[in-house]
PDB file of N, CA and C in Angstrom:
ATOM      1  N   UNK A   1     106.802 138.915  69.271  1.00  0.00           N
ATOM      2  CA  UNK A   1     107.935 138.898  70.182  1.00  0.00           C
ATOM      3  C   UNK A   1     107.422 138.694  71.615  1.00  0.00           C
ATOM      4  N   UNK A   2     108.029 137.758  72.296  1.00  0.00           N
ATOM      5  CA  UNK A   2     107.571 137.495  73.651  1.00  0.00           C
ATOM      6  C   UNK A   2     108.247 138.434  74.647  1.00  0.00           C
ATOM      7  N   UNK A   3     107.528 138.726  75.658  1.00  0.00           N
ATOM      8  CA  UNK A   3     108.053 139.627  76.679  1.00  0.00           C
ATOM      9  C   UNK A   3     108.694 138.812  77.791  1.00  0.00           C
ATOM     10  N   UNK A   4     109.390 139.476  78.646  1.00  0.00           N
ATOM     11  CA  UNK A   4     110.008 138.827  79.787  1.00  0.00           C
ATOM     12  C   UNK A   4     108.940 138.165  80.657  1.00  0.00           C
ATOM     13  N   UNK A   5     107.809 138.826  80.797  1.00  0.00           N
ATOM     14  CA  UNK A   5     106.711 138.265  81.580  1.00  0.00           C
ATOM     15  C   UNK A   5     106.232 136.952  80.978  1.00  0.00           C
ATOM     16  N   UNK A   6     106.064 136.902  79.664  1.00  0.00           N
ATOM     17  CA  UNK A   6     105.627 135.674  78.991  1.00  0.00           C
ATOM     18  C   UNK A   6     106.631 134.539  79.203  1.00  0.00           C
ATOM     19  N   UNK A   7     107.904 134.862  79.105  1.00  0.00           N
ATOM     20  CA  UNK A   7     108.937 133.851  79.311  1.00  0.00           C
ATOM     21  C   UNK A   7     108.926 133.331  80.739  1.00  0.00           C
ATOM     22  N   UNK A   8     108.760 134.219  81.693  1.00  0.00           N
ATOM     23  CA  UNK A   8     108.707 133.802  83.097  1.00  0.00           C
ATOM     24  C   UNK A   8     107.470 132.941  83.352  1.00  0.00           C
ATOM     25  N   UNK A   9     106.358 133.304  82.732  1.00  0.00           N
ATOM     26  CA  UNK A   9     105.134 132.531  82.890  1.00  0.00           C
ATOM     27  C   UNK A   9     105.310 131.116  82.339  1.00  0.00           C
ATOM     28  N   UNK A  10     105.912 131.003  81.165  1.00  0.00           N
ATOM     29  CA  UNK A  10     106.166 129.679  80.576  1.00  0.00           C
ATOM     30  C   UNK A  10     107.113 128.853  81.456  1.00  0.00           C
ATOM     31  N   UNK A  11     108.123 129.508  81.989  1.00  0.00           N
ATOM     32  CA  UNK A  11     109.073 128.806  82.864  1.00  0.00           C
ATOM     33  C   UNK A  11     108.373 128.321  84.131  1.00  0.00           C
ATOM     34  N   UNK A  12     107.515 129.143  84.704  1.00  0.00           N
ATOM     35  CA  UNK A  12     106.778 128.746  85.909  1.00  0.00           C
ATOM     36  C   UNK A  12     105.838 127.581  85.607  1.00  0.00           C
ATOM     37  N   UNK A  13     105.174 127.616  84.467  1.00  0.00           N
ATOM     38  CA  UNK A  13     104.279 126.529  84.082  1.00  0.00           C
ATOM     39  C   UNK A  13     105.052 125.234  83.861  1.00  0.00           C
ATOM     40  N   UNK A  14     106.224 125.328  83.241  1.00  0.00           N
ATOM     41  CA  UNK A  14     107.054 124.145  83.009  1.00  0.00           C
ATOM     42  C   UNK A  14     107.540 123.560  84.335  1.00  0.00           C
ATOM     43  N   UNK A  15     107.922 124.424  85.265  1.00  0.00           N
ATOM     44  CA  UNK A  15     108.367 123.970  86.572  1.00  0.00           C
ATOM     45  C   UNK A  15     107.226 123.290  87.330  1.00  0.00           C
ATOM     46  N   UNK A  16     106.037 123.873  87.253  1.00  0.00           N
ATOM     47  CA  UNK A  16     104.867 123.263  87.898  1.00  0.00           C
ATOM     48  C   UNK A  16     104.586 121.884  87.311  1.00  0.00           C
ATOM     49  N   UNK A  17     104.631 121.768  85.990  1.00  0.00           N
ATOM     50  CA  UNK A  17     104.374 120.480  85.333  1.00  0.00           C
ATOM     51  C   UNK A  17     105.415 119.445  85.758  1.00  0.00           C
ATOM     52  N   UNK A  18     106.666 119.838  85.851  1.00  0.00           N
ATOM     53  CA  UNK A  18     107.723 118.928  86.281  1.00  0.00           C
ATOM     54  C   UNK A  18     107.503 118.495  87.726  1.00  0.00           C
ATOM     55  N   UNK A  19     107.166 119.443  88.595  1.00  0.00           N
ATOM     56  CA  UNK A  19     106.900 119.119  90.003  1.00  0.00           C
ATOM     57  C   UNK A  19     105.757 118.119  90.132  1.00  0.00           C
ATOM     58  N   UNK A  20     104.698 118.308  89.364  1.00  0.00           N
ATOM     59  CA  UNK A  20     103.554 117.393  89.413  1.00  0.00           C
ATOM     60  C   UNK A  20     103.939 116.006  88.909  1.00  0.00           C
ATOM     61  N   UNK A  21     104.729 115.952  87.861  1.00  0.00           N
ATOM     62  CA  UNK A  21     105.169 114.661  87.334  1.00  0.00           C
ATOM     63  C   UNK A  21     106.030 113.928  88.356  1.00  0.00           C
ATOM     64  N   UNK A  22     106.948 114.650  88.989  1.00  0.00           N
ATOM     65  CA  UNK A  22     107.813 114.038  89.991  1.00  0.00           C
ATOM     66  C   UNK A  22     107.008 113.575  91.207  1.00  0.00           C
ATOM     67  N   UNK A  23     106.002 114.361  91.594  1.00  0.00           N
ATOM     68  CA  UNK A  23     105.143 113.983  92.719  1.00  0.00           C
ATOM     69  C   UNK A  23     104.390 112.689  92.392  1.00  0.00           C
ATOM     70  N   UNK A  24     103.855 112.603  91.188  1.00  0.00           N
ATOM     71  CA  UNK A  24     103.140 111.403  90.764  1.00  0.00           C
ATOM     72  C   UNK A  24     104.067 110.187  90.749  1.00  0.00           C
ATOM     73  N   UNK A  25     105.277 110.360  90.203  1.00  0.00           N
ATOM     74  CA  UNK A  25     106.231 109.251  90.151  1.00  0.00           C
ATOM     75  C   UNK A  25     106.628 108.805  91.552  1.00  0.00           C
ATOM     76  N   UNK A  26     106.805 109.760  92.462  1.00  0.00           N
ATOM     77  CA  UNK A  26     107.169 109.415  93.842  1.00  0.00           C
ATOM     78  C   UNK A  26     106.034 108.651  94.525  1.00  0.00           C
ATOM     79  N   UNK A  27     104.792 109.079  94.313  1.00  0.00           N
ATOM     80  CA  UNK A  27     103.657 108.361  94.913  1.00  0.00           C
ATOM     81  C   UNK A  27     103.548 106.943  94.361  1.00  0.00           C
ATOM     82  N   UNK A  28     103.728 106.804  93.051  1.00  0.00           N
ATOM     83  CA  UNK A  28     103.662 105.468  92.442  1.00  0.00           C
ATOM     84  C   UNK A  28     104.783 104.586  92.973  1.00  0.00           C
ATOM     85  N   UNK A  29     105.974 105.153  93.115  1.00  0.00           N
ATOM     86  CA  UNK A  29     107.097 104.375  93.638  1.00  0.00           C
ATOM     87  C   UNK A  29     106.870 103.999  95.103  1.00  0.00           C
ATOM     88  N   UNK A  30     106.359 104.951  95.892  1.00  0.00           N
ATOM     89  CA  UNK A  30     106.051 104.666  97.293  1.00  0.00           C
ATOM     90  C   UNK A  30     105.041 103.527  97.391  1.00  0.00           C
ATOM     91  N   UNK A  31     103.993 103.598  96.591  1.00  0.00           N
ATOM     92  CA  UNK A  31     102.963 102.563  96.637  1.00  0.00           C
ATOM     93  C   UNK A  31     103.507 101.215  96.180  1.00  0.00           C
ATOM     94  N   UNK A  32     104.437 101.239  95.248  1.00  0.00           N
ATOM     95  CA  UNK A  32     105.063  99.991  94.800  1.00  0.00           C
ATOM     96  C   UNK A  32     105.894  99.386  95.936  1.00  0.00           C
ATOM     97  N   UNK A  33     106.624 100.231  96.668  1.00  0.00           N
ATOM     98  CA  UNK A  33     107.410  99.756  97.805  1.00  0.00           C
ATOM     99  C   UNK A  33     106.502  99.213  98.907  1.00  0.00           C
ATOM    100  N   UNK A  34     105.403  99.928  99.170  1.00  0.00           N
ATOM    101  CA  UNK A  34     104.439  99.455 100.162  1.00  0.00           C
ATOM    102  C   UNK A  34     103.824  98.131  99.743  1.00  0.00           C
ATOM    103  N   UNK A  35     103.539  98.005  98.458  1.00  0.00           N
ATOM    104  CA  UNK A  35     102.948  96.761  97.956  1.00  0.00           C
ATOM    105  C   UNK A  35     103.905  95.589  98.148  1.00  0.00           C
ATOM    106  N   UNK A  36     105.183  95.813  97.896  1.00  0.00           N
ATOM    107  CA  UNK A  36     106.163  94.739  98.101  1.00  0.00           C
ATOM    108  C   UNK A  36     106.203  94.342  99.578  1.00  0.00           C
ATOM    109  N   UNK A  37     106.171  95.330 100.456  1.00  0.00           N
ATOM    110  CA  UNK A  37     106.169  95.066 101.900  1.00  0.00           C
ATOM    111  C   UNK A  37     104.912  94.290 102.291  1.00  0.00           C
ATOM    112  N   UNK A  38     103.768  94.728 101.756  1.00  0.00           N
ATOM    113  CA  UNK A  38     102.499  94.066 102.079  1.00  0.00           C
ATOM    114  C   UNK A  38     102.476  92.632 101.549  1.00  0.00           C
ATOM    115  N   UNK A  39     102.948  92.426 100.347  1.00  0.00           N
ATOM    116  CA  UNK A  39     102.958  91.068  99.778  1.00  0.00           C
ATOM    117  C   UNK A  39     103.787  90.130 100.653  1.00  0.00           C
ATOM    118  N   UNK A  40     104.873  90.650 101.174  1.00  0.00           N
ATOM    119  CA  UNK A  40     105.709  89.847 102.066  1.00  0.00           C
ATOM    120  C   UNK A  40     104.942  89.504 103.347  1.00  0.00           C
ATOM    121  N   UNK A  41     104.267  90.491 103.931  1.00  0.00           N
ATOM    122  CA  UNK A  41     103.512  90.271 105.170  1.00  0.00           C
ATOM    123  C   UNK A  41     102.308  89.351 104.959  1.00  0.00           C
ATOM    124  N   UNK A  42     101.681  89.460 103.789  1.00  0.00           N
ATOM    125  CA  UNK A  42     100.480  88.673 103.509  1.00  0.00           C
ATOM    126  C   UNK A  42     100.796  87.346 102.822  1.00  0.00           C
ATOM    127  N   UNK A  43     102.083  87.085 102.610  1.00  0.00           N
ATOM    128  CA  UNK A  43     102.544  85.851 101.953  1.00  0.00           C
ATOM    129  C   UNK A  43     101.935  85.688 100.569  1.00  0.00           C
ATOM    130  N   UNK A  44     101.851  86.791  99.838  1.00  0.00           N
ATOM    131  CA  UNK A  44     101.340  86.747  98.470  1.00  0.00           C
ATOM    132  C   UNK A  44     102.497  86.527  97.506  1.00  0.00           C
ATOM    133  N   UNK A  45     102.297  85.654  96.542  1.00  0.00           N
ATOM    134  CA  UNK A  45     103.310  85.394  95.530  1.00  0.00           C
ATOM    135  C   UNK A  45     102.640  85.283  94.167  1.00  0.00           C
ATOM    136  N   UNK A  46     103.437  85.296  93.146  1.00  0.00           N
ATOM    137  CA  UNK A  46     102.955  85.067  91.788  1.00  0.00           C
ATOM    138  C   UNK A  46     101.931  86.089  91.325  1.00  0.00           C
ATOM    139  N   UNK A  47     100.875  85.584  90.687  1.00  0.00           N
ATOM    140  CA  UNK A  47      99.841  86.447  90.126  1.00  0.00           C
ATOM    141  C   UNK A  47      99.093  87.235  91.192  1.00  0.00           C
ATOM    142  N   UNK A  48      98.867  86.627  92.349  1.00  0.00           N
ATOM    143  CA  UNK A  48      98.167  87.325  93.434  1.00  0.00           C
ATOM    144  C   UNK A  48      98.982  88.518  93.916  1.00  0.00           C
ATOM    145  N   UNK A  49     100.280  88.342  94.037  1.00  0.00           N
ATOM    146  CA  UNK A  49     101.153  89.439  94.470  1.00  0.00           C
ATOM    147  C   UNK A  49     101.181  90.545  93.411  1.00  0.00           C
ATOM    148  N   UNK A  50     101.271  90.159  92.152  1.00  0.00           N
ATOM    149  CA  UNK A  50     101.309  91.159  91.073  1.00  0.00           C
ATOM    150  C   UNK A  50     100.011  91.955  91.016  1.00  0.00           C
ATOM    151  N   UNK A  51      98.880  91.277  91.159  1.00  0.00           N
ATOM    152  CA  UNK A  51      97.587  91.971  91.153  1.00  0.00           C
ATOM    153  C   UNK A  51      97.483  92.928  92.334  1.00  0.00           C
ATOM    154  N   UNK A  52      97.941  92.500  93.505  1.00  0.00           N
ATOM    155  CA  UNK A  52      97.895  93.361  94.690  1.00  0.00           C
ATOM    156  C   UNK A  52      98.799  94.584  94.496  1.00  0.00           C
ATOM    157  N   UNK A  53      99.989  94.376  93.936  1.00  0.00           N
ATOM    158  CA  UNK A  53     100.915  95.496  93.670  1.00  0.00           C
ATOM    159  C   UNK A  53     100.245  96.538  92.788  1.00  0.00           C
ATOM    160  N   UNK A  54      99.613  96.096  91.705  1.00  0.00           N
ATOM    161  CA  UNK A  54      98.989  97.044  90.784  1.00  0.00           C
ATOM    162  C   UNK A  54      97.832  97.783  91.440  1.00  0.00           C
ATOM    163  N   UNK A  55      97.077  97.092  92.285  1.00  0.00           N
ATOM    164  CA  UNK A  55      95.969  97.770  92.974  1.00  0.00           C
ATOM    165  C   UNK A  55      96.492  98.876  93.881  1.00  0.00           C
ATOM    166  N   UNK A  56      97.583  98.642  94.591  1.00  0.00           N
ATOM    167  CA  UNK A  56      98.131  99.684  95.466  1.00  0.00           C
ATOM    168  C   UNK A  56      98.787 100.809  94.674  1.00  0.00           C
ATOM    169  N   UNK A  57      99.461 100.486  93.596  1.00  0.00           N
ATOM    170  CA  UNK A  57     100.072 101.526  92.767  1.00  0.00           C
ATOM    171  C   UNK A  57      98.988 102.444  92.215  1.00  0.00           C
ATOM    172  N   UNK A  58      97.905 101.859  91.730  1.00  0.00           N
ATOM    173  CA  UNK A  58      96.801 102.644  91.189  1.00  0.00           C
ATOM    174  C   UNK A  58      96.035 103.390  92.274  1.00  0.00           C
ATOM    175  N   UNK A  59      96.095 102.900  93.502  1.00  0.00           N
ATOM    176  CA  UNK A  59      95.376 103.548  94.602  1.00  0.00           C
ATOM    177  C   UNK A  59      95.846 104.988  94.808  1.00  0.00           C
ATOM    178  N   UNK A  60      97.070 105.268  94.440  1.00  0.00           N
ATOM    179  CA  UNK A  60      97.594 106.621  94.585  1.00  0.00           C
ATOM    180  C   UNK A  60      96.951 107.632  93.668  1.00  0.00           C
ATOM    181  N   UNK A  61      96.258 107.169  92.648  1.00  0.00           N
ATOM    182  CA  UNK A  61      95.632 108.085  91.699  1.00  0.00           C
ATOM    183  C   UNK A  61      94.121 108.169  91.867  1.00  0.00           C
ATOM    184  N   UNK A  62      93.566 107.390  92.804  1.00  0.00           N
ATOM    185  CA  UNK A  62      92.117 107.383  92.992  1.00  0.00           C
ATOM    186  C   UNK A  62      91.654 108.614  93.754  1.00  0.00           C
ATOM    187  N   UNK A  63      90.428 109.008  93.526  1.00  0.00           N
ATOM    188  CA  UNK A  63      89.814 110.099  94.272  1.00  0.00           C
ATOM    189  C   UNK A  63      89.468 109.602  95.666  1.00  0.00           C
ATOM    190  N   UNK A  64      89.754 110.425  96.652  1.00  0.00           N
ATOM    191  CA  UNK A  64      89.531 110.041  98.043  1.00  0.00           C
ATOM    192  C   UNK A  64      88.267 110.673  98.591  1.00  0.00           C
ATOM    193  N   UNK A  65      87.764 110.069  99.643  1.00  0.00           N
ATOM    194  CA  UNK A  65      86.585 110.596 100.326  1.00  0.00           C
ATOM    195  C   UNK A  65      86.921 111.932 100.975  1.00  0.00           C
ATOM    196  N   UNK A  66      85.948 112.795 101.051  1.00  0.00           N
ATOM    197  CA  UNK A  66      86.127 114.106 101.654  1.00  0.00           C
ATOM    198  C   UNK A  66      86.442 113.924 103.134  1.00  0.00           C
ATOM    199  N   UNK A  67      87.376 114.706 103.636  1.00  0.00           N
ATOM    200  CA  UNK A  67      87.713 114.651 105.051  1.00  0.00           C
ATOM    201  C   UNK A  67      88.891 113.758 105.381  1.00  0.00           C
ATOM    202  N   UNK A  68      89.383 113.008 104.406  1.00  0.00           N
ATOM    203  CA  UNK A  68      90.542 112.149 104.636  1.00  0.00           C
ATOM    204  C   UNK A  68      91.614 112.458 103.610  1.00  0.00           C
ATOM    205  N   UNK A  69      92.847 112.444 104.054  1.00  0.00           N
ATOM    206  CA  UNK A  69      93.948 112.625 103.116  1.00  0.00           C
ATOM    207  C   UNK A  69      94.183 111.307 102.380  1.00  0.00           C
ATOM    208  N   UNK A  70      94.850 111.350 101.242  1.00  0.00           N
ATOM    209  CA  UNK A  70      95.164 110.102 100.535  1.00  0.00           C
ATOM    210  C   UNK A  70      95.979 109.146 101.400  1.00  0.00           C
ATOM    211  N   UNK A  71      96.895 109.685 102.208  1.00  0.00           N
ATOM    212  CA  UNK A  71      97.706 108.824 103.071  1.00  0.00           C
ATOM    213  C   UNK A  71      96.858 108.160 104.153  1.00  0.00           C
ATOM    214  N   UNK A  72      95.884 108.883 104.694  1.00  0.00           N
ATOM    215  CA  UNK A  72      94.993 108.294 105.698  1.00  0.00           C
ATOM    216  C   UNK A  72      94.163 107.170 105.088  1.00  0.00           C
ATOM    217  N   UNK A  73      93.657 107.400 103.890  1.00  0.00           N
ATOM    218  CA  UNK A  73      92.870 106.366 103.208  1.00  0.00           C
ATOM    219  C   UNK A  73      93.736 105.147 102.898  1.00  0.00           C
ATOM    220  N   UNK A  74      94.966 105.386 102.470  1.00  0.00           N
ATOM    221  CA  UNK A  74      95.875 104.281 102.168  1.00  0.00           C
ATOM    222  C   UNK A  74      96.207 103.505 103.439  1.00  0.00           C
ATOM    223  N   UNK A  75      96.491 104.219 104.533  1.00  0.00           N
ATOM    224  CA  UNK A  75      96.805 103.554 105.805  1.00  0.00           C
ATOM    225  C   UNK A  75      95.627 102.699 106.269  1.00  0.00           C
ATOM    226  N   UNK A  76      94.437 103.235 106.132  1.00  0.00           N
ATOM    227  CA  UNK A  76      93.233 102.492 106.519  1.00  0.00           C
ATOM    228  C   UNK A  76      93.092 101.218 105.692  1.00  0.00           C
ATOM    229  N   UNK A  77      93.341 101.343 104.402  1.00  0.00           N
ATOM    230  CA  UNK A  77      93.236 100.176 103.521  1.00  0.00           C
ATOM    231  C   UNK A  77      94.285  99.125 103.876  1.00  0.00           C
ATOM    232  N   UNK A  78      95.529  99.564 104.111  1.00  0.00           N
ATOM    233  CA  UNK A  78      96.589  98.618 104.450  1.00  0.00           C
ATOM    234  C   UNK A  78      96.305  97.931 105.784  1.00  0.00           C
ATOM    235  N   UNK A  79      95.853  98.703 106.768  1.00  0.00           N
ATOM    236  CA  UNK A  79      95.506  98.112 108.059  1.00  0.00           C
ATOM    237  C   UNK A  79      94.392  97.075 107.909  1.00  0.00           C
ATOM    238  N   UNK A  80      93.388  97.399 107.094  1.00  0.00           N
ATOM    239  CA  UNK A  80      92.281  96.465 106.874  1.00  0.00           C
ATOM    240  C   UNK A  80      92.770  95.188 106.194  1.00  0.00           C
ATOM    241  N   UNK A  81      93.640  95.332 105.201  1.00  0.00           N
ATOM    242  CA  UNK A  81      94.187  94.146 104.525  1.00  0.00           C
ATOM    243  C   UNK A  81      95.005  93.294 105.485  1.00  0.00           C
ATOM    244  N   UNK A  82      95.787  93.952 106.328  1.00  0.00           N
ATOM    245  CA  UNK A  82      96.589  93.219 107.308  1.00  0.00           C
ATOM    246  C   UNK A  82      95.691  92.526 108.332  1.00  0.00           C
ATOM    247  N   UNK A  83      94.706  93.265 108.844  1.00  0.00           N
ATOM    248  CA  UNK A  83      93.794  92.695 109.852  1.00  0.00           C
ATOM    249  C   UNK A  83      93.026  91.512 109.288  1.00  0.00           C
ATOM    250  N   UNK A  84      92.620  91.592 108.028  1.00  0.00           N
ATOM    251  CA  UNK A  84      91.875  90.490 107.403  1.00  0.00           C
ATOM    252  C   UNK A  84      92.714  89.221 107.328  1.00  0.00           C
ATOM    253  N   UNK A  85      94.033  89.395 107.396  1.00  0.00           N
ATOM    254  CA  UNK A  85      94.925  88.240 107.343  1.00  0.00           C
ATOM    255  C   UNK A  85      95.591  87.959 108.690  1.00  0.00           C
ATOM    256  N   UNK A  86      95.090  88.614 109.748  1.00  0.00           N
ATOM    257  CA  UNK A  86      95.596  88.355 111.087  1.00  0.00           C
ATOM    258  C   UNK A  86      96.985  88.889 111.360  1.00  0.00           C
ATOM    259  N   UNK A  87      97.364  89.965 110.671  1.00  0.00           N
ATOM    260  CA  UNK A  87      98.692  90.556 110.846  1.00  0.00           C
ATOM    261  C   UNK A  87      98.522  91.943 111.461  1.00  0.00           C
ATOM    262  N   UNK A  88      99.353  92.271 112.449  1.00  0.00           N
ATOM    263  CA  UNK A  88      99.283  93.592 113.091  1.00  0.00           C
ATOM    264  C   UNK A  88      99.753  94.666 112.117  1.00  0.00           C
ATOM    265  N   UNK A  89      99.091  95.832 112.172  1.00  0.00           N
ATOM    266  CA  UNK A  89      99.433  96.931 111.271  1.00  0.00           C
ATOM    267  C   UNK A  89      99.657  98.238 111.997  1.00  0.00           C
ATOM    268  N   UNK A  90     100.239  98.169 113.192  1.00  0.00           N
ATOM    269  CA  UNK A  90     100.425  99.368 114.004  1.00  0.00           C
ATOM    270  C   UNK A  90     101.390 100.374 113.389  1.00  0.00           C
ATOM    271  N   UNK A  91     102.377  99.898 112.649  1.00  0.00           N
ATOM    272  CA  UNK A  91     103.412 100.787 112.132  1.00  0.00           C
ATOM    273  C   UNK A  91     103.127 101.310 110.725  1.00  0.00           C
ATOM    274  N   UNK A  92     101.919 101.148 110.227  1.00  0.00           N
ATOM    275  CA  UNK A  92     101.588 101.523 108.852  1.00  0.00           C
ATOM    276  C   UNK A  92     101.801 103.016 108.575  1.00  0.00           C
ATOM    277  N   UNK A  93     101.316 103.961 109.404  1.00  0.00           N
ATOM    278  CA  UNK A  93     101.543 105.380 109.086  1.00  0.00           C
ATOM    279  C   UNK A  93     103.025 105.748 109.010  1.00  0.00           C
ATOM    280  N   UNK A  94     103.819 105.225 109.914  1.00  0.00           N
ATOM    281  CA  UNK A  94     105.258 105.485 109.868  1.00  0.00           C
ATOM    282  C   UNK A  94     105.905 104.891 108.642  1.00  0.00           C
ATOM    283  N   UNK A  95     105.445 103.726 108.250  1.00  0.00           N
ATOM    284  CA  UNK A  95     105.964 103.063 107.060  1.00  0.00           C
ATOM    285  C   UNK A  95     105.626 103.863 105.803  1.00  0.00           C
ATOM    286  N   UNK A  96     104.404 104.374 105.737  1.00  0.00           N
ATOM    287  CA  UNK A  96     103.995 105.189 104.598  1.00  0.00           C
ATOM    288  C   UNK A  96     104.885 106.433 104.507  1.00  0.00           C
ATOM    289  N   UNK A  97     105.124 107.081 105.635  1.00  0.00           N
ATOM    290  CA  UNK A  97     105.973 108.281 105.648  1.00  0.00           C
ATOM    291  C   UNK A  97     107.403 107.949 105.247  1.00  0.00           C
ATOM    292  N   UNK A  98     107.941 106.869 105.788  1.00  0.00           N
ATOM    293  CA  UNK A  98     109.329 106.494 105.481  1.00  0.00           C
ATOM    294  C   UNK A  98     109.499 106.145 104.005  1.00  0.00           C
ATOM    295  N   UNK A  99     108.598 105.305 103.476  1.00  0.00           N
ATOM    296  CA  UNK A  99     108.691 104.941 102.062  1.00  0.00           C
ATOM    297  C   UNK A  99     108.419 106.148 101.161  1.00  0.00           C
ATOM    298  N   UNK A 100     107.539 107.040 101.601  1.00  0.00           N
ATOM    299  CA  UNK A 100     107.273 108.251 100.828  1.00  0.00           C
ATOM    300  C   UNK A 100     108.507 109.124 100.712  1.00  0.00           C
ATOM    301  N   UNK A 101     109.206 109.313 101.809  1.00  0.00           N
ATOM    302  CA  UNK A 101     110.429 110.119 101.790  1.00  0.00           C
ATOM    303  C   UNK A 101     111.505 109.444 100.949  1.00  0.00           C
ATOM    304  N   UNK A 102     111.625 108.141 101.080  1.00  0.00           N
ATOM    305  CA  UNK A 102     112.613 107.398 100.309  1.00  0.00           C
ATOM    306  C   UNK A 102     112.314 107.469  98.812  1.00  0.00           C
ATOM    307  N   UNK A 103     111.054 107.309  98.450  1.00  0.00           N
ATOM    308  CA  UNK A 103     110.661 107.366  97.040  1.00  0.00           C
ATOM    309  C   UNK A 103     110.875 108.765  96.470  1.00  0.00           C
ATOM    310  N   UNK A 104     110.522 109.801  97.227  1.00  0.00           N
ATOM    311  CA  UNK A 104     110.707 111.181  96.759  1.00  0.00           C
ATOM    312  C   UNK A 104     112.184 111.476  96.536  1.00  0.00           C
ATOM    313  N   UNK A 105     113.022 111.035  97.470  1.00  0.00           N
ATOM    314  CA  UNK A 105     114.468 111.256  97.338  1.00  0.00           C
ATOM    315  C   UNK A 105     114.995 110.552  96.089  1.00  0.00           C
ATOM    316  N   UNK A 106     114.552 109.331  95.872  1.00  0.00           N
ATOM    317  CA  UNK A 106     115.003 108.556  94.718  1.00  0.00           C
ATOM    318  C   UNK A 106     114.572 109.205  93.402  1.00  0.00           C
ATOM    319  N   UNK A 107     113.327 109.664  93.343  1.00  0.00           N
ATOM    320  CA  UNK A 107     112.812 110.317  92.129  1.00  0.00           C
ATOM    321  C   UNK A 107     113.576 111.611  91.853  1.00  0.00           C
ATOM    322  N   UNK A 108     113.828 112.391  92.898  1.00  0.00           N
ATOM    323  CA  UNK A 108     114.590 113.649  92.711  1.00  0.00           C
ATOM    324  C   UNK A 108     115.996 113.364  92.205  1.00  0.00           C
ATOM    325  N   UNK A 109     116.642 112.342  92.756  1.00  0.00           N
ATOM    326  CA  UNK A 109     117.998 111.992  92.314  1.00  0.00           C
ATOM    327  C   UNK A 109     118.001 111.558  90.856  1.00  0.00           C
ATOM    328  N   UNK A 110     117.008 110.786  90.449  1.00  0.00           N
ATOM    329  CA  UNK A 110     116.915 110.365  89.055  1.00  0.00           C
ATOM    330  C   UNK A 110     116.660 111.556  88.138  1.00  0.00           C
ATOM    331  N   UNK A 111     115.846 112.510  88.597  1.00  0.00           N
ATOM    332  CA  UNK A 111     115.543 113.674  87.776  1.00  0.00           C
ATOM    333  C   UNK A 111     116.779 114.544  87.556  1.00  0.00           C
ATOM    334  N   UNK A 112     117.635 114.605  88.567  1.00  0.00           N
ATOM    335  CA  UNK A 112     118.864 115.387  88.450  1.00  0.00           C
ATOM    336  C   UNK A 112     119.866 114.717  87.528  1.00  0.00           C
ATOM    337  N   UNK A 113     119.784 113.397  87.518  1.00  0.00           N
ATOM    338  CA  UNK A 113     120.558 112.606  86.797  1.00  0.00           C
ATOM    339  C   UNK A 113     121.569 112.238  86.025  1.00  0.00           C
TER     340      UNK A 113
END
């Protein structure tokens, strides 16, 4: 027979697992939105655009260097990609934050569903 404590522990673990899944989905969605924006700025189409999208989506799951947040590493990468193509990237941190909030809101709405 399970105790109230055991039930609460299972509920907390289930909630944690759901939160982590939603966080992962929001990051993947944010990176997908950023990739679409980047492809437009870099004039990427077809297979090149699809490959770039997948690289950015997967970038959200990569291990980052010590001392930098994942968002800082992503911003640095996007700025470098833009600079390599002669495009200004001054608004990248704000864009990451805006798309992140939009993706999180969308994922939460779908989860409530």
